[in-house]
C-alpha atoms as a PDB file:
ATOM      1  CA  UNK A   1      21.396 103.168  63.420  1.00  0.00           C
ATOM      2  CA  UNK A   2      23.765 102.137  66.218  1.00  0.00           C
ATOM      3  CA  UNK A   3      27.101 101.441  64.561  1.00  0.00           C
ATOM      4  CA  UNK A   4      28.268  98.848  67.080  1.00  0.00           C
ATOM      5  CA  UNK A   5      24.992  96.916  67.378  1.00  0.00           C
ATOM      6  CA  UNK A   6      25.128  93.834  65.118  1.00  0.00           C
ATOM      7  CA  UNK A   7      21.348  93.822  64.907  1.00  0.00           C
ATOM      8  CA  UNK A   8      21.360  97.243  63.247  1.00  0.00           C
ATOM      9  CA  UNK A   9      24.798  98.061  61.880  1.00  0.00           C
ATOM     10  CA  UNK A  10      24.278  96.252  58.580  1.00  0.00           C
ATOM     11  CA  UNK A  11      21.340  98.469  57.588  1.00  0.00           C
ATOM     12  CA  UNK A  12      22.121 101.179  55.075  1.00  0.00           C
ATOM     13  CA  UNK A  13      18.691 102.626  54.276  1.00  0.00           C
ATOM     14  CA  UNK A  14      15.141 102.831  55.550  1.00  0.00           C
ATOM     15  CA  UNK A  15      14.106 100.305  52.909  1.00  0.00           C
ATOM     16  CA  UNK A  16      16.029  97.673  54.857  1.00  0.00           C
ATOM     17  CA  UNK A  17      14.004  98.235  58.061  1.00  0.00           C
ATOM     18  CA  UNK A  18      11.124  95.722  58.110  1.00  0.00           C
ATOM     19  CA  UNK A  19       7.729  97.272  57.378  1.00  0.00           C
ATOM     20  CA  UNK A  20       6.301  95.869  60.638  1.00  0.00           C
ATOM     21  CA  UNK A  21       9.000  97.638  62.651  1.00  0.00           C
ATOM     22  CA  UNK A  22       8.395 100.876  60.765  1.00  0.00           C
ATOM     23  CA  UNK A  23       4.697 100.566  61.663  1.00  0.00           C
ATOM     24  CA  UNK A  24       5.509  99.921  65.331  1.00  0.00           C
ATOM     25  CA  UNK A  25       7.795 102.967  65.462  1.00  0.00           C
ATOM     26  CA  UNK A  26       5.155 105.146  63.777  1.00  0.00           C
ATOM     27  CA  UNK A  27       2.523 103.905  66.232  1.00  0.00           C
ATOM     28  CA  UNK A  28       4.779 104.648  69.200  1.00  0.00           C
ATOM     29  CA  UNK A  29       5.411 108.162  67.901  1.00  0.00           C
ATOM     30  CA  UNK A  30       1.677 108.834  67.599  1.00  0.00           C
ATOM     31  CA  UNK A  31       0.787 107.698  71.130  1.00  0.00           C
ATOM     32  CA  UNK A  32       3.770 108.475  73.370  1.00  0.00           C
ATOM     33  CA  UNK A  33       2.656 112.039  74.126  1.00  0.00           C
ATOM     34  CA  UNK A  34      -0.945 111.150  74.927  1.00  0.00           C
ATOM     35  CA  UNK A  35      -0.193 111.021  78.658  1.00  0.00           C
ATOM     36  CA  UNK A  36       0.731 114.712  78.380  1.00  0.00           C
ATOM     37  CA  UNK A  37      -2.501 115.389  76.455  1.00  0.00           C
ATOM     38  CA  UNK A  38      -0.531 116.275  73.337  1.00  0.00           C
ATOM     39  CA  UNK A  39      -1.361 115.223  69.797  1.00  0.00           C
ATOM     40  CA  UNK A  40       1.341 113.939  67.446  1.00  0.00           C
ATOM     41  CA  UNK A  41       0.980 112.992  63.792  1.00  0.00           C
ATOM     42  CA  UNK A  42       3.529 111.010  61.850  1.00  0.00           C
ATOM     43  CA  UNK A  43       4.024 112.725  58.490  1.00  0.00           C
ATOM     44  CA  UNK A  44       5.902 109.801  57.023  1.00  0.00           C
ATOM     45  CA  UNK A  45       9.447 108.583  56.681  1.00  0.00           C
ATOM     46  CA  UNK A  46      12.314 110.587  55.272  1.00  0.00           C
ATOM     47  CA  UNK A  47      15.672 109.633  53.836  1.00  0.00           C
ATOM     48  CA  UNK A  48      18.935 109.367  55.728  1.00  0.00           C
ATOM     49  CA  UNK A  49      20.122 112.509  53.951  1.00  0.00           C
ATOM     50  CA  UNK A  50      17.068 114.420  55.219  1.00  0.00           C
ATOM     51  CA  UNK A  51      17.734 113.141  58.751  1.00  0.00           C
ATOM     52  CA  UNK A  52      21.377 114.257  58.621  1.00  0.00           C
ATOM     53  CA  UNK A  53      20.302 117.727  57.430  1.00  0.00           C
ATOM     54  CA  UNK A  54      17.786 117.987  60.292  1.00  0.00           C
ATOM     55  CA  UNK A  55      20.369 116.872  62.861  1.00  0.00           C
ATOM     56  CA  UNK A  56      22.840 119.454  61.561  1.00  0.00           C
ATOM     57  CA  UNK A  57      20.172 122.181  61.671  1.00  0.00           C
ATOM     58  CA  UNK A  58      19.259 121.174  65.241  1.00  0.00           C
ATOM     59  CA  UNK A  59      22.895 121.328  66.320  1.00  0.00           C
ATOM     60  CA  UNK A  60      23.244 124.763  64.707  1.00  0.00           C
ATOM     61  CA  UNK A  61      20.136 126.040  66.563  1.00  0.00           C
ATOM     62  CA  UNK A  62      21.490 124.599  69.813  1.00  0.00           C
ATOM     63  CA  UNK A  63      24.844 126.348  69.373  1.00  0.00           C
ATOM     64  CA  UNK A  64      23.078 129.634  68.604  1.00  0.00           C
ATOM     65  CA  UNK A  65      20.864 129.300  71.685  1.00  0.00           C
ATOM     66  CA  UNK A  66      23.807 128.263  73.861  1.00  0.00           C
ATOM     67  CA  UNK A  67      25.831 131.278  72.781  1.00  0.00           C
ATOM     68  CA  UNK A  68      22.951 133.591  73.722  1.00  0.00           C
ATOM     69  CA  UNK A  69      22.615 131.968  77.144  1.00  0.00           C
ATOM     70  CA  UNK A  70      26.330 131.786  77.893  1.00  0.00           C
ATOM     71  CA  UNK A  71      26.575 135.574  77.915  1.00  0.00           C
ATOM     72  CA  UNK A  72      23.906 135.881  80.633  1.00  0.00           C
ATOM     73  CA  UNK A  73      24.624 135.584  84.308  1.00  0.00           C
ATOM     74  CA  UNK A  74      22.208 133.227  85.968  1.00  0.00           C
ATOM     75  CA  UNK A  75      21.242 133.545  89.631  1.00  0.00           C
ATOM     76  CA  UNK A  76      22.600 130.876  91.974  1.00  0.00           C
ATOM     77  CA  UNK A  77      20.490 127.802  92.514  1.00  0.00           C
ATOM     78  CA  UNK A  78      18.494 127.832  95.742  1.00  0.00           C
ATOM     79  CA  UNK A  79      18.238 124.091  96.055  1.00  0.00           C
ATOM     80  CA  UNK A  80      18.574 122.406  99.393  1.00  0.00           C
ATOM     81  CA  UNK A  81      20.010 118.968  99.840  1.00  0.00           C
ATOM     82  CA  UNK A  82      18.230 116.452 101.963  1.00  0.00           C
END
């Protein structure tokens, strides 16, 4: 939750997020990729601890990928400005 937003910064757990809002978020997550003809299923809600673990794992994967790419020399961009 945004730490500086007074509408959110008092929430400590998912249980404090209103059920209606949880339903709206789940609905959004199931339909937002439809324009790309992709299917998304919401598997449920997980704890804050699970979210922190996933964020840390994502950051670790990013660093690993970045280190692989940083050792490669990329060709110059052939973009033209208009």
